[in-house]
Protein backbone atom coordinates (compact mmCIF):
# COMPACT_ATOMS: atom_id res chain seq x y z
CA MET A 1 0.03 -0.09 -0.03
CA ASN A 2 2.77 2.57 1.00
CA LYS A 3 4.70 1.85 -2.22
CA TRP A 4 1.44 2.43 -4.30
CA TYR A 5 0.90 5.73 -2.48
CA LEU A 6 4.38 6.80 -3.00
CA GLY A 7 4.13 6.03 -6.72
CA LEU A 8 0.93 8.01 -6.97
CA VAL A 9 2.53 11.06 -5.21
CA LEU A 10 5.60 10.88 -7.53
CA PHE A 11 3.38 10.54 -10.63
CA TRP A 12 1.32 13.69 -9.62
CA GLY A 13 4.65 15.54 -8.98
CA VAL A 14 5.86 14.73 -12.57
CA LEU A 15 2.56 15.80 -14.11
CA SER A 16 2.00 19.03 -12.13
CA PRO A 17 3.12 22.27 -13.80
CA ALA A 18 6.58 23.76 -12.84
CA TRP A 19 6.19 26.96 -11.05
CA ALA A 20 8.82 29.62 -11.71
CA ASN A 21 7.76 32.59 -9.59
CA HIS A 22 11.42 33.61 -9.31
CA ILE A 23 11.51 34.95 -12.97
CA VAL A 24 10.78 38.70 -13.14
CA GLY A 25 11.54 39.41 -16.87
CA GLY A 26 13.94 38.77 -19.60
CA ASN A 27 14.85 39.29 -23.30
CA PHE A 28 16.43 37.70 -26.33
CA GLU A 29 19.63 38.91 -28.17
CA MET A 30 20.83 37.57 -31.49
CA VAL A 31 24.17 38.58 -32.83
CA ALA A 32 25.80 37.58 -36.08
CA ILE A 33 29.22 36.03 -35.82
CA PRO A 34 31.58 37.97 -38.17
CA ASN A 35 32.97 36.04 -41.23
CA ARG A 36 30.84 33.03 -40.42
CA PRO A 37 27.75 33.10 -42.75
CA GLY A 38 24.59 31.73 -41.18
CA ARG A 39 26.26 31.60 -37.59
CA PHE A 40 24.69 33.66 -34.82
CA HIS A 41 25.10 33.90 -30.89
CA LEU A 42 21.71 33.62 -29.43
CA TYR A 43 21.32 34.74 -25.84
CA MET A 44 18.42 34.67 -23.42
CA ASN A 45 18.61 36.90 -20.44
CA LEU A 46 16.40 36.01 -17.53
CA PHE A 47 16.02 38.31 -14.49
CA PHE A 48 15.89 36.17 -11.39
CA ASP A 49 14.47 37.46 -7.95
CA GLU A 50 17.07 36.43 -5.33
CA ILE A 51 14.82 37.21 -2.52
CA GLY A 52 11.48 35.62 -3.56
CA GLY A 53 13.36 32.79 -5.52
CA ARG A 54 15.46 31.39 -2.77
CA THR A 55 13.61 28.08 -2.81
CA SER A 56 13.61 27.87 -6.63
CA PRO A 57 16.64 26.35 -8.36
CA LYS A 58 18.40 28.29 -11.08
CA GLU A 59 18.07 26.29 -14.14
CA ARG A 60 21.42 25.15 -15.78
CA ASP A 61 19.77 25.00 -19.12
CA ILE A 62 16.57 26.08 -20.83
CA VAL A 63 14.77 24.92 -23.98
CA ILE A 64 13.56 27.54 -26.46
CA SER A 65 11.89 26.87 -29.93
CA ILE A 66 12.17 28.52 -33.33
CA PHE A 67 8.87 28.68 -35.21
CA ARG A 68 8.04 29.79 -38.86
CA LYS A 69 5.73 32.89 -38.65
CA ARG A 70 3.62 31.97 -41.66
CA ASP A 71 2.04 28.87 -40.08
CA ASN A 72 3.53 28.76 -36.50
CA ASN A 73 5.35 25.50 -37.52
CA ARG A 74 7.96 24.50 -34.94
CA GLU A 75 11.21 24.25 -36.79
CA VAL A 76 13.48 23.21 -33.94
CA ASN A 77 13.87 23.01 -30.15
CA ILE A 78 17.17 24.22 -28.84
CA ARG A 79 18.75 23.60 -25.37
CA MET A 80 20.62 26.75 -24.26
CA ASP A 81 23.24 26.37 -21.49
CA LEU A 82 23.57 28.83 -18.62
CA GLU A 83 26.64 31.07 -19.60
CA SER A 84 26.73 33.38 -16.57
CA ASP A 85 24.80 34.45 -13.40
CA GLN A 86 25.65 38.03 -12.57
CA PRO A 87 23.99 40.43 -9.92
CA LEU A 88 21.87 43.17 -11.68
CA ARG A 89 23.41 46.56 -10.69
CA TYR A 90 20.75 49.06 -10.10
CA THR A 91 21.50 52.75 -10.89
CA ASN A 92 20.08 53.65 -7.52
CA PRO A 93 21.22 50.95 -5.14
CA SER A 94 19.66 52.75 -1.99
CA CYS A 95 16.22 52.49 -3.64
CA ALA A 96 16.63 48.83 -4.53
CA GLU A 97 17.74 48.11 -0.95
CA ALA A 98 14.74 50.02 0.41
CA ARG A 99 12.39 48.02 -1.63
CA ASN A 100 14.23 44.82 -0.70
CA LEU A 101 15.12 44.06 -4.39
CA LYS A 102 17.95 41.70 -5.27
CA THR A 103 18.03 40.52 -8.83
CA SER A 104 20.50 38.54 -10.91
CA VAL A 105 20.82 38.10 -14.73
CA LEU A 106 20.92 34.63 -15.85
CA ARG A 107 22.44 34.61 -19.31
CA TYR A 108 21.94 31.55 -21.54
CA HIS A 109 23.75 30.86 -24.75
CA TYR A 110 23.65 28.84 -27.89
CA GLU A 111 25.59 29.12 -31.11
CA LEU A 112 22.94 29.00 -33.85
CA ASN A 113 23.47 27.80 -37.39
CA LEU A 114 20.72 29.17 -39.67
CA ASP A 115 20.92 27.47 -42.98
CA PRO A 116 19.47 29.99 -45.50
CA ARG A 117 17.93 27.13 -47.51
CA GLN A 118 15.84 26.17 -44.51
CA TYR A 119 15.17 29.68 -43.17
CA SER A 120 14.13 31.40 -46.30
CA ASP A 121 10.40 32.12 -45.66
CA PRO A 122 9.89 35.86 -46.43
CA GLN A 123 7.54 36.19 -43.47
CA GLY A 124 10.37 35.09 -41.14
CA TYR A 125 10.66 33.22 -37.83
CA TYR A 126 10.36 33.75 -34.19
CA VAL A 127 12.17 32.37 -31.14
CA ALA A 128 10.05 31.61 -28.16
CA PHE A 129 10.52 30.83 -24.53
CA GLU A 130 7.63 30.17 -22.17
CA ARG A 131 7.57 30.03 -18.47
CA CYS A 132 4.93 29.76 -15.70
CA CYS A 133 4.53 31.81 -13.52
CA ARG A 134 5.18 35.48 -12.68
CA ASN A 135 6.76 36.62 -9.48
CA THR A 136 4.24 36.49 -6.62
CA ALA A 137 5.41 39.93 -5.55
CA THR A 138 3.88 41.49 -8.80
CA VAL A 139 1.18 43.91 -7.77
CA ASN A 140 -0.38 44.82 -11.16
CA LEU A 141 -1.76 41.31 -11.95
CA VAL A 142 -4.46 39.32 -10.35
CA SER A 143 -2.85 35.94 -9.32
CA PRO A 144 0.60 36.57 -10.71
CA GLY A 145 1.75 33.18 -9.41
CA ARG A 146 -0.72 31.65 -11.90
CA SER A 147 0.08 33.91 -14.86
CA GLY A 148 2.63 32.78 -17.39
CA MET A 149 5.01 34.65 -19.55
CA VAL A 150 6.28 34.34 -22.95
CA PHE A 151 9.51 35.92 -24.44
CA THR A 152 9.83 36.12 -28.25
CA TRP A 153 12.21 37.36 -30.78
CA ASN A 154 11.18 37.91 -34.48
CA PHE A 155 13.75 37.64 -37.30
CA ARG A 156 14.22 36.74 -40.90
CA LEU A 157 17.37 36.25 -43.02
CA CYS A 158 17.35 39.15 -45.69
CA ASN A 159 19.99 38.14 -48.25
CA ALA A 160 22.52 35.64 -49.39
CA THR A 161 25.08 36.73 -46.76
CA ASP A 162 22.66 35.78 -44.01
CA ARG A 163 22.39 39.15 -42.49
CA LEU A 164 19.45 39.41 -39.98
CA SER A 165 16.51 41.61 -40.82
CA ARG A 166 14.54 42.55 -37.54
CA THR A 167 10.92 42.33 -37.97
CA ARG A 168 8.17 44.17 -35.87
CA ARG A 169 10.39 44.57 -32.86
CA PRO A 170 13.47 46.53 -31.93
CA PHE A 171 16.74 44.76 -31.30
CA LEU A 172 16.85 44.31 -27.53
CA VAL A 173 20.16 44.18 -25.72
CA ARG A 174 21.12 44.05 -22.07
CA PRO A 175 18.92 46.34 -19.96
CA THR A 176 20.29 49.79 -19.56
CA ALA A 177 17.39 51.64 -17.78
CA ASN A 178 17.84 49.73 -14.62
CA THR A 179 21.57 49.06 -14.69
CA SER A 180 24.92 50.73 -14.82
CA ALA A 181 27.84 49.39 -17.08
């Protein structure tokens, strides 16, 4: 009886959704590698709440997907490795301290090879990363701990030299409004 009950508990633990209330934001970066046609550095920056996420483990890798925009066809899943874990430096540290904020930037990386024969759709592609749930300290959402988030980056290859053309969104880089270099 005890083994059956333990098996049932483990089964439900595997099927229940993962809660990631330690993530407070993030963004993608995609940078062409000079003199290497079709090769790009793909980065995902996740902002981790060190105070509220103490009980949540930092993921050593994450899985993102590339989709074709025309029909939302999944082209590939990619496992990105954690490249760095750095504290976010606030421009006004005393304000962050007064609000009990302590955030780190988890930077994931993958060297991407985009074959122009495969990635030639004129409508382009998008990279997506999904995670449930928002930080429970979020005050402008009802039930933030049950609200997921999706990070996307839209792109298309624009010519034979495999340069990127940004579509619909500005190119996002490391945050500057909240940080100092």
